[in-house]
Amino acid sequence: MTEISIDPTLGPVVNRVAGERAVLESFLDFHRAVLLRKLRGLSDPEASRRLVPSATTLAGLVKHLTLVEGYWFPTLLDPAPGETFPTTEEAALASFTLAADDTVDHLAAEYERACARSREVAAGFDLDHVVAHPQLGEVSLRWILVHLIEETARHVGHADILRELTDGSTGAL
């Protein structure tokens, strides 16, 4: 067999014959990294500029996905006593709203912290671990990982379009 060289940032390719958990985690980590690549290198005004009719911005996407990470992993899998999370559509849309201190650097750091915490929490459970969800009934960690891959990848697609509209940059790498 011919030895091939694979860019180690392409986790899904590196883990193409790995076990289920490694494959799921590598796809999620890949999309998390692409989101940050779409944000980095932009000024704060560029990242917060509205380029589509909705209130969607690159900075807002990162802020939203930071909230999503915090909900699906720490809050749902390992909640602090009395911890709850807003589950309305209005609350989800509000997560895109930027505050004065939502700079590119701040948002990237918060997202990286949320992803690290998500990895830490998820590592403590088997893929078959099931938790109660207030709207869906029960969900497994496997389902949560697949859902986060879907949600993150969908928003990375939005980020790709916004970045292209901002400075012409395209692509995952």
N, C-alpha and C. Protein backbone atom coordinates (compact mmCIF):
# COMPACT_ATOMS: atom_id res chain seq x y z
N MET A 1 0.84 -1.17 0.00
CA MET A 1 0.00 0.00 0.00
C MET A 1 0.89 1.24 0.00
N THR A 2 0.50 2.24 -0.74
CA THR A 2 1.26 3.47 -0.85
C THR A 2 1.03 4.35 0.38
N GLU A 3 2.11 4.88 0.93
CA GLU A 3 2.03 5.80 2.06
C GLU A 3 1.54 7.15 1.54
N ILE A 4 0.51 7.70 2.17
CA ILE A 4 0.03 9.00 1.76
C ILE A 4 0.18 9.98 2.92
N SER A 5 0.34 11.23 2.58
CA SER A 5 0.46 12.27 3.59
C SER A 5 -0.87 12.99 3.70
N ILE A 6 -1.37 13.10 4.93
CA ILE A 6 -2.67 13.74 5.17
C ILE A 6 -2.47 14.90 6.12
N ASP A 7 -3.03 16.02 5.76
CA ASP A 7 -3.01 17.19 6.63
C ASP A 7 -3.67 16.82 7.96
N PRO A 8 -2.96 16.94 9.08
CA PRO A 8 -3.53 16.53 10.37
C PRO A 8 -4.71 17.40 10.82
N THR A 9 -4.92 18.56 10.20
CA THR A 9 -6.08 19.37 10.55
C THR A 9 -7.36 18.79 9.97
N LEU A 10 -7.23 17.82 9.11
CA LEU A 10 -8.39 17.16 8.50
C LEU A 10 -8.75 15.91 9.28
N GLY A 11 -9.20 16.11 10.51
CA GLY A 11 -9.53 15.00 11.40
C GLY A 11 -10.40 13.94 10.79
N PRO A 12 -11.46 14.30 10.06
CA PRO A 12 -12.29 13.26 9.47
C PRO A 12 -11.54 12.39 8.48
N VAL A 13 -10.55 12.93 7.82
CA VAL A 13 -9.76 12.12 6.88
C VAL A 13 -8.77 11.26 7.66
N VAL A 14 -8.12 11.85 8.65
CA VAL A 14 -7.17 11.11 9.48
C VAL A 14 -7.87 9.93 10.15
N ASN A 15 -9.10 10.13 10.59
CA ASN A 15 -9.85 9.10 11.32
C ASN A 15 -10.80 8.30 10.44
N ARG A 16 -10.47 8.17 9.17
CA ARG A 16 -11.39 7.55 8.22
C ARG A 16 -11.66 6.07 8.48
N VAL A 17 -10.83 5.40 9.27
CA VAL A 17 -11.09 4.00 9.62
C VAL A 17 -11.10 3.82 11.14
N ALA A 18 -11.28 4.90 11.87
CA ALA A 18 -11.31 4.85 13.34
C ALA A 18 -12.67 4.37 13.82
N GLY A 19 -12.79 4.24 15.11
CA GLY A 19 -14.06 3.85 15.70
C GLY A 19 -15.10 4.96 15.60
N GLU A 20 -16.32 4.59 15.92
CA GLU A 20 -17.44 5.51 15.77
C GLU A 20 -17.23 6.82 16.53
N ARG A 21 -16.82 6.74 17.77
CA ARG A 21 -16.67 7.95 18.57
C ARG A 21 -15.60 8.88 17.99
N ALA A 22 -14.46 8.32 17.60
CA ALA A 22 -13.40 9.14 17.02
C ALA A 22 -13.86 9.80 15.73
N VAL A 23 -14.64 9.09 14.93
CA VAL A 23 -15.15 9.66 13.68
C VAL A 23 -16.11 10.82 13.99
N LEU A 24 -17.06 10.59 14.90
CA LEU A 24 -18.01 11.64 15.24
C LEU A 24 -17.31 12.87 15.81
N GLU A 25 -16.40 12.64 16.75
CA GLU A 25 -15.70 13.77 17.38
C GLU A 25 -14.81 14.50 16.39
N SER A 26 -14.19 13.78 15.46
CA SER A 26 -13.31 14.45 14.50
C SER A 26 -14.12 15.30 13.51
N PHE A 27 -15.30 14.84 13.11
CA PHE A 27 -16.14 15.67 12.24
C PHE A 27 -16.58 16.93 12.97
N LEU A 28 -16.99 16.79 14.23
CA LEU A 28 -17.42 17.97 14.98
C LEU A 28 -16.25 18.93 15.17
N ASP A 29 -15.09 18.41 15.56
CA ASP A 29 -13.92 19.28 15.74
C ASP A 29 -13.49 19.95 14.45
N PHE A 30 -13.62 19.26 13.34
CA PHE A 30 -13.28 19.86 12.05
C PHE A 30 -14.16 21.08 11.78
N HIS A 31 -15.47 20.93 11.96
CA HIS A 31 -16.38 22.04 11.69
C HIS A 31 -16.19 23.17 12.70
N ARG A 32 -15.86 22.83 13.94
CA ARG A 32 -15.55 23.87 14.93
C ARG A 32 -14.34 24.69 14.46
N ALA A 33 -13.33 24.01 13.99
CA ALA A 33 -12.11 24.70 13.53
C ALA A 33 -12.37 25.56 12.30
N VAL A 34 -13.19 25.06 11.38
CA VAL A 34 -13.50 25.85 10.18
C VAL A 34 -14.24 27.12 10.59
N LEU A 35 -15.16 27.02 11.54
CA LEU A 35 -15.87 28.22 11.99
C LEU A 35 -14.88 29.28 12.48
N LEU A 36 -13.92 28.87 13.28
CA LEU A 36 -12.93 29.82 13.79
C LEU A 36 -12.07 30.39 12.66
N ARG A 37 -11.73 29.56 11.66
CA ARG A 37 -10.96 30.07 10.52
C ARG A 37 -11.76 31.11 9.75
N LYS A 38 -13.07 30.95 9.68
CA LYS A 38 -13.91 31.93 8.99
C LYS A 38 -13.93 33.26 9.75
N LEU A 39 -13.84 33.22 11.06
CA LEU A 39 -13.88 34.42 11.89
C LEU A 39 -12.54 35.14 11.94
N ARG A 40 -11.48 34.36 12.09
CA ARG A 40 -10.16 34.96 12.30
C ARG A 40 -9.69 35.73 11.08
N GLY A 41 -8.98 36.80 11.36
CA GLY A 41 -8.45 37.63 10.29
C GLY A 41 -9.39 38.76 9.90
N LEU A 42 -10.58 38.77 10.48
CA LEU A 42 -11.52 39.85 10.22
C LEU A 42 -11.44 40.88 11.33
N SER A 43 -11.73 42.11 10.99
CA SER A 43 -11.85 43.16 12.01
C SER A 43 -13.19 42.98 12.72
N ASP A 44 -13.34 43.61 13.85
CA ASP A 44 -14.61 43.54 14.57
C ASP A 44 -15.77 44.06 13.72
N PRO A 45 -15.61 45.19 13.04
CA PRO A 45 -16.72 45.65 12.18
C PRO A 45 -17.03 44.68 11.04
N GLU A 46 -16.02 44.07 10.44
CA GLU A 46 -16.27 43.10 9.37
C GLU A 46 -17.05 41.90 9.89
N ALA A 47 -16.65 41.39 11.05
CA ALA A 47 -17.29 40.20 11.62
C ALA A 47 -18.72 40.46 12.05
N SER A 48 -19.04 41.69 12.38
CA SER A 48 -20.38 42.00 12.86
C SER A 48 -21.26 42.66 11.79
N ARG A 49 -20.75 42.77 10.59
CA ARG A 49 -21.51 43.39 9.49
C ARG A 49 -22.62 42.46 9.01
N ARG A 50 -23.80 43.04 8.83
CA ARG A 50 -24.94 42.29 8.28
C ARG A 50 -24.84 42.34 6.76
N LEU A 51 -24.76 41.17 6.15
CA LEU A 51 -24.63 41.08 4.69
C LEU A 51 -25.81 40.38 4.04
N VAL A 52 -26.72 39.89 4.86
CA VAL A 52 -27.91 39.21 4.37
C VAL A 52 -29.13 39.84 5.05
N PRO A 53 -30.34 39.62 4.52
CA PRO A 53 -31.51 40.27 5.11
C PRO A 53 -31.76 39.94 6.59
N SER A 54 -31.39 38.75 7.03
CA SER A 54 -31.58 38.40 8.44
C SER A 54 -30.49 39.09 9.27
N ALA A 55 -30.56 38.92 10.57
CA ALA A 55 -29.58 39.52 11.48
C ALA A 55 -28.30 38.67 11.58
N THR A 56 -28.15 37.68 10.73
CA THR A 56 -27.01 36.78 10.78
C THR A 56 -25.72 37.50 10.42
N THR A 57 -24.72 37.36 11.29
CA THR A 57 -23.37 37.88 11.05
C THR A 57 -22.38 36.79 11.41
N LEU A 58 -21.15 36.92 10.95
CA LEU A 58 -20.13 35.95 11.33
C LEU A 58 -19.96 35.93 12.84
N ALA A 59 -19.85 37.10 13.45
CA ALA A 59 -19.70 37.17 14.90
C ALA A 59 -20.91 36.56 15.60
N GLY A 60 -22.09 36.84 15.09
CA GLY A 60 -23.31 36.28 15.68
C GLY A 60 -23.37 34.76 15.58
N LEU A 61 -22.88 34.20 14.48
CA LEU A 61 -22.84 32.75 14.35
C LEU A 61 -21.95 32.12 15.41
N VAL A 62 -20.80 32.74 15.64
CA VAL A 62 -19.88 32.21 16.66
C VAL A 62 -20.51 32.32 18.04
N LYS A 63 -21.14 33.44 18.32
CA LYS A 63 -21.80 33.62 19.62
C LYS A 63 -22.90 32.58 19.80
N HIS A 64 -23.70 32.38 18.77
CA HIS A 64 -24.78 31.39 18.83
C HIS A 64 -24.22 29.98 19.08
N LEU A 65 -23.20 29.60 18.33
CA LEU A 65 -22.66 28.25 18.49
C LEU A 65 -21.96 28.07 19.84
N THR A 66 -21.47 29.14 20.43
CA THR A 66 -20.93 29.06 21.79
C THR A 66 -22.05 28.68 22.76
N LEU A 67 -23.18 29.31 22.60
CA LEU A 67 -24.34 29.01 23.43
C LEU A 67 -24.81 27.57 23.20
N VAL A 68 -24.83 27.16 21.95
CA VAL A 68 -25.25 25.80 21.60
C VAL A 68 -24.34 24.77 22.27
N GLU A 69 -23.03 24.99 22.20
CA GLU A 69 -22.08 24.08 22.86
C GLU A 69 -22.37 23.98 24.35
N GLY A 70 -22.61 25.13 24.97
CA GLY A 70 -22.87 25.16 26.41
C GLY A 70 -24.14 24.44 26.79
N TYR A 71 -25.12 24.48 25.92
CA TYR A 71 -26.38 23.81 26.22
C TYR A 71 -26.27 22.29 26.05
N TRP A 72 -25.85 21.85 24.89
CA TRP A 72 -25.93 20.43 24.58
C TRP A 72 -24.97 19.57 25.37
N PHE A 73 -23.87 20.13 25.81
CA PHE A 73 -22.93 19.30 26.57
C PHE A 73 -23.00 19.59 28.06
N PRO A 74 -22.45 20.69 28.58
CA PRO A 74 -22.48 20.86 30.03
C PRO A 74 -23.88 20.95 30.63
N THR A 75 -24.76 21.77 30.06
CA THR A 75 -26.07 21.97 30.68
C THR A 75 -26.93 20.72 30.60
N LEU A 76 -26.91 20.03 29.49
CA LEU A 76 -27.77 18.86 29.34
C LEU A 76 -27.16 17.60 29.95
N LEU A 77 -25.86 17.38 29.74
CA LEU A 77 -25.22 16.16 30.22
C LEU A 77 -24.74 16.23 31.67
N ASP A 78 -24.35 17.42 32.11
CA ASP A 78 -23.75 17.55 33.44
C ASP A 78 -24.20 18.86 34.10
N PRO A 79 -25.50 19.02 34.30
CA PRO A 79 -26.01 20.30 34.79
C PRO A 79 -25.62 20.58 36.24
N ALA A 80 -25.38 21.85 36.52
CA ALA A 80 -25.19 22.28 37.90
C ALA A 80 -26.56 22.25 38.57
N PRO A 81 -26.61 22.08 39.88
CA PRO A 81 -27.92 22.05 40.55
C PRO A 81 -28.74 23.31 40.23
N GLY A 82 -29.98 23.09 39.80
CA GLY A 82 -30.88 24.19 39.49
C GLY A 82 -30.64 24.86 38.16
N GLU A 83 -29.64 24.38 37.40
CA GLU A 83 -29.32 25.01 36.12
C GLU A 83 -30.40 24.69 35.10
N THR A 84 -30.85 25.71 34.40
CA THR A 84 -31.81 25.54 33.32
C THR A 84 -31.31 26.31 32.11
N PHE A 85 -31.95 26.09 31.00
CA PHE A 85 -31.53 26.72 29.76
C PHE A 85 -32.76 27.15 29.00
N PRO A 86 -32.76 28.38 28.46
CA PRO A 86 -33.93 28.81 27.69
C PRO A 86 -34.08 27.97 26.43
N THR A 87 -35.28 27.51 26.18
CA THR A 87 -35.49 26.61 25.04
C THR A 87 -36.43 27.18 23.99
N THR A 88 -36.78 28.42 24.09
CA THR A 88 -37.71 28.99 23.12
C THR A 88 -36.97 29.42 21.85
N GLU A 89 -37.71 29.52 20.78
CA GLU A 89 -37.15 30.00 19.51
C GLU A 89 -36.63 31.42 19.67
N GLU A 90 -37.35 32.21 20.47
CA GLU A 90 -36.93 33.60 20.72
C GLU A 90 -35.56 33.65 21.40
N ALA A 91 -35.33 32.76 22.35
CA ALA A 91 -34.04 32.71 23.04
C ALA A 91 -32.93 32.30 22.07
N ALA A 92 -33.23 31.37 21.18
CA ALA A 92 -32.23 30.94 20.20
C ALA A 92 -31.86 32.09 19.27
N LEU A 93 -32.84 32.83 18.82
CA LEU A 93 -32.57 33.96 17.94
C LEU A 93 -31.80 35.06 18.67
N ALA A 94 -32.10 35.25 19.95
CA ALA A 94 -31.40 36.27 20.74
C ALA A 94 -29.92 35.93 20.89
N SER A 95 -29.57 34.66 20.77
CA SER A 95 -28.17 34.27 20.93
C SER A 95 -27.29 34.81 19.82
N PHE A 96 -27.88 35.30 18.75
CA PHE A 96 -27.13 35.91 17.65
C PHE A 96 -26.84 37.39 17.89
N THR A 97 -27.48 37.97 18.90
CA THR A 97 -27.37 39.40 19.17
C THR A 97 -26.03 39.71 19.83
N LEU A 98 -25.33 40.68 19.26
CA LEU A 98 -24.00 41.02 19.75
C LEU A 98 -24.04 42.12 20.80
N ALA A 99 -23.13 42.01 21.76
CA ALA A 99 -22.95 43.03 22.80
C ALA A 99 -21.70 43.84 22.46
N ALA A 100 -21.50 44.92 23.16
CA ALA A 100 -20.36 45.81 22.90
C ALA A 100 -19.02 45.09 23.05
N ASP A 101 -18.94 44.15 23.98
CA ASP A 101 -17.66 43.45 24.21
C ASP A 101 -17.48 42.20 23.35
N ASP A 102 -18.36 41.97 22.39
CA ASP A 102 -18.28 40.81 21.51
C ASP A 102 -17.32 41.07 20.36
N THR A 103 -16.04 41.12 20.67
CA THR A 103 -15.00 41.31 19.65
C THR A 103 -14.65 39.97 19.04
N VAL A 104 -13.96 40.00 17.93
CA VAL A 104 -13.50 38.77 17.28
C VAL A 104 -12.68 37.94 18.26
N ASP A 105 -11.74 38.56 18.93
CA ASP A 105 -10.88 37.83 19.87
C ASP A 105 -11.67 37.26 21.03
N HIS A 106 -12.58 38.05 21.59
CA HIS A 106 -13.40 37.59 22.72
C HIS A 106 -14.29 36.43 22.30
N LEU A 107 -14.97 36.58 21.17
CA LEU A 107 -15.87 35.52 20.71
C LEU A 107 -15.12 34.23 20.41
N ALA A 108 -13.96 34.35 19.76
CA ALA A 108 -13.16 33.16 19.45
C ALA A 108 -12.71 32.46 20.74
N ALA A 109 -12.26 33.23 21.72
CA ALA A 109 -11.81 32.65 22.99
C ALA A 109 -12.96 31.97 23.72
N GLU A 110 -14.13 32.61 23.74
CA GLU A 110 -15.29 32.02 24.41
C GLU A 110 -15.72 30.73 23.71
N TYR A 111 -15.69 30.74 22.39
CA TYR A 111 -16.07 29.54 21.64
C TYR A 111 -15.07 28.41 21.90
N GLU A 112 -13.79 28.73 21.89
CA GLU A 112 -12.78 27.71 22.18
C GLU A 112 -12.96 27.13 23.58
N ARG A 113 -13.27 27.98 24.57
CA ARG A 113 -13.52 27.50 25.93
C ARG A 113 -14.75 26.60 25.98
N ALA A 114 -15.82 27.01 25.28
CA ALA A 114 -17.03 26.21 25.27
C ALA A 114 -16.80 24.85 24.62
N CYS A 115 -16.03 24.84 23.54
CA CYS A 115 -15.73 23.56 22.86
C CYS A 115 -14.87 22.67 23.75
N ALA A 116 -13.90 23.25 24.42
CA ALA A 116 -13.05 22.46 25.33
C ALA A 116 -13.89 21.87 26.45
N ARG A 117 -14.79 22.66 27.00
CA ARG A 117 -15.68 22.17 28.07
C ARG A 117 -16.58 21.07 27.53
N SER A 118 -17.10 21.24 26.32
CA SER A 118 -17.94 20.21 25.72
C SER A 118 -17.18 18.90 25.57
N ARG A 119 -15.95 18.98 25.08
CA ARG A 119 -15.13 17.76 24.94
C ARG A 119 -14.92 17.09 26.29
N GLU A 120 -14.62 17.91 27.30
CA GLU A 120 -14.36 17.39 28.65
C GLU A 120 -15.60 16.68 29.20
N VAL A 121 -16.75 17.29 29.08
CA VAL A 121 -17.99 16.69 29.58
C VAL A 121 -18.32 15.43 28.80
N ALA A 122 -18.29 15.49 27.48
CA ALA A 122 -18.65 14.34 26.65
C ALA A 122 -17.74 13.15 26.91
N ALA A 123 -16.47 13.41 27.21
CA ALA A 123 -15.52 12.33 27.46
C ALA A 123 -15.92 11.47 28.66
N GLY A 124 -16.74 12.00 29.53
CA GLY A 124 -17.15 11.27 30.71
C GLY A 124 -18.32 10.32 30.51
N PHE A 125 -18.81 10.24 29.29
CA PHE A 125 -20.00 9.42 29.03
C PHE A 125 -19.80 8.53 27.80
N ASP A 126 -20.44 7.38 27.82
CA ASP A 126 -20.47 6.50 26.65
C ASP A 126 -21.43 7.08 25.61
N LEU A 127 -21.24 6.69 24.36
CA LEU A 127 -22.13 7.16 23.30
C LEU A 127 -23.59 6.79 23.56
N ASP A 128 -23.82 5.69 24.26
CA ASP A 128 -25.18 5.23 24.54
C ASP A 128 -25.80 5.91 25.76
N HIS A 129 -25.04 6.76 26.45
CA HIS A 129 -25.58 7.45 27.62
C HIS A 129 -26.78 8.30 27.20
N VAL A 130 -27.88 8.19 27.95
CA VAL A 130 -29.13 8.87 27.62
C VAL A 130 -29.46 9.88 28.72
N VAL A 131 -29.92 11.06 28.29
CA VAL A 131 -30.36 12.09 29.23
C VAL A 131 -31.74 12.59 28.79
N ALA A 132 -32.45 13.16 29.74
CA ALA A 132 -33.75 13.75 29.44
C ALA A 132 -33.54 15.10 28.76
N HIS A 133 -34.36 15.35 27.75
CA HIS A 133 -34.35 16.64 27.07
C HIS A 133 -35.75 17.23 27.24
N PRO A 134 -35.85 18.51 27.59
CA PRO A 134 -37.17 19.08 27.88
C PRO A 134 -38.17 19.07 26.73
N GLN A 135 -37.70 19.01 25.50
CA GLN A 135 -38.62 19.02 24.36
C GLN A 135 -38.64 17.71 23.58
N LEU A 136 -37.55 16.97 23.64
CA LEU A 136 -37.42 15.77 22.80
C LEU A 136 -37.62 14.47 23.56
N GLY A 137 -37.75 14.53 24.85
CA GLY A 137 -37.81 13.31 25.64
C GLY A 137 -36.39 12.90 26.01
N GLU A 138 -35.97 11.74 25.55
CA GLU A 138 -34.61 11.29 25.83
C GLU A 138 -33.74 11.41 24.59
N VAL A 139 -32.46 11.73 24.81
CA VAL A 139 -31.48 11.77 23.73
C VAL A 139 -30.20 11.11 24.23
N SER A 140 -29.47 10.48 23.31
CA SER A 140 -28.20 9.85 23.67
C SER A 140 -27.06 10.80 23.34
N LEU A 141 -25.91 10.54 23.94
CA LEU A 141 -24.72 11.31 23.58
C LEU A 141 -24.44 11.15 22.09
N ARG A 142 -24.64 9.98 21.54
CA ARG A 142 -24.45 9.76 20.10
C ARG A 142 -25.31 10.73 19.31
N TRP A 143 -26.58 10.83 19.69
CA TRP A 143 -27.50 11.73 19.00
C TRP A 143 -27.05 13.18 19.14
N ILE A 144 -26.61 13.56 20.34
CA ILE A 144 -26.13 14.92 20.58
C ILE A 144 -24.94 15.24 19.67
N LEU A 145 -24.00 14.31 19.57
CA LEU A 145 -22.84 14.54 18.69
C LEU A 145 -23.27 14.72 17.24
N VAL A 146 -24.15 13.86 16.77
CA VAL A 146 -24.62 13.97 15.38
C VAL A 146 -25.36 15.30 15.20
N HIS A 147 -26.20 15.65 16.16
CA HIS A 147 -26.92 16.92 16.06
C HIS A 147 -25.96 18.11 16.03
N LEU A 148 -24.93 18.08 16.87
CA LEU A 148 -23.97 19.20 16.89
C LEU A 148 -23.14 19.24 15.61
N ILE A 149 -22.84 18.10 15.03
CA ILE A 149 -22.17 18.10 13.72
C ILE A 149 -23.07 18.80 12.71
N GLU A 150 -24.33 18.44 12.69
CA GLU A 150 -25.29 19.02 11.75
C GLU A 150 -25.44 20.52 11.98
N GLU A 151 -25.67 20.91 13.22
CA GLU A 151 -25.89 22.33 13.52
C GLU A 151 -24.64 23.16 13.23
N THR A 152 -23.48 22.66 13.64
CA THR A 152 -22.25 23.41 13.42
C THR A 152 -21.93 23.50 11.93
N ALA A 153 -22.06 22.39 11.21
CA ALA A 153 -21.77 22.40 9.77
C ALA A 153 -22.71 23.33 9.02
N ARG A 154 -23.98 23.35 9.40
CA ARG A 154 -24.95 24.23 8.76
C ARG A 154 -24.54 25.69 8.94
N HIS A 155 -24.16 26.04 10.16
CA HIS A 155 -23.76 27.43 10.42
C HIS A 155 -22.39 27.75 9.82
N VAL A 156 -21.52 26.76 9.70
CA VAL A 156 -20.24 26.99 9.01
C VAL A 156 -20.50 27.30 7.54
N GLY A 157 -21.50 26.67 6.95
CA GLY A 157 -21.89 27.01 5.57
C GLY A 157 -22.33 28.46 5.47
N HIS A 158 -23.12 28.91 6.45
CA HIS A 158 -23.50 30.33 6.48
C HIS A 158 -22.26 31.20 6.62
N ALA A 159 -21.35 30.80 7.51
CA ALA A 159 -20.12 31.57 7.73
C ALA A 159 -19.29 31.64 6.46
N ASP A 160 -19.25 30.56 5.71
CA ASP A 160 -18.49 30.55 4.46
C ASP A 160 -19.03 31.58 3.47
N ILE A 161 -20.34 31.65 3.38
CA ILE A 161 -20.96 32.63 2.48
C ILE A 161 -20.68 34.05 2.97
N LEU A 162 -20.84 34.27 4.27
CA LEU A 162 -20.59 35.61 4.81
C LEU A 162 -19.13 36.04 4.64
N ARG A 163 -18.21 35.10 4.83
CA ARG A 163 -16.80 35.44 4.66
C ARG A 163 -16.51 35.74 3.19
N GLU A 164 -17.09 34.98 2.29
CA GLU A 164 -16.89 35.26 0.86
C GLU A 164 -17.44 36.64 0.50
N LEU A 165 -18.57 36.98 1.05
CA LEU A 165 -19.15 38.30 0.78
C LEU A 165 -18.31 39.42 1.40
N THR A 166 -17.58 39.11 2.48
CA THR A 166 -16.77 40.11 3.17
C THR A 166 -15.48 40.39 2.43
N ASP A 167 -14.72 39.31 2.12
CA ASP A 167 -13.39 39.54 1.52
C ASP A 167 -13.02 38.57 0.41
N GLY A 168 -13.99 37.77 -0.03
CA GLY A 168 -13.72 36.86 -1.14
C GLY A 168 -13.13 35.52 -0.74
N SER A 169 -12.79 35.34 0.55
CA SER A 169 -12.22 34.07 1.00
C SER A 169 -13.25 32.96 0.94
N THR A 170 -12.84 31.80 0.45
CA THR A 170 -13.71 30.65 0.39
C THR A 170 -12.97 29.40 0.84
N GLY A 171 -13.70 28.34 1.05
CA GLY A 171 -13.09 27.06 1.36
C GLY A 171 -12.94 26.80 2.85
N ALA A 172 -12.77 25.51 3.17
CA ALA A 172 -12.65 25.10 4.56
C ALA A 172 -11.29 25.37 5.16
N LEU A 173 -10.26 25.40 4.32
CA LEU A 173 -8.92 25.56 4.85
C LEU A 173 -8.37 26.93 4.50
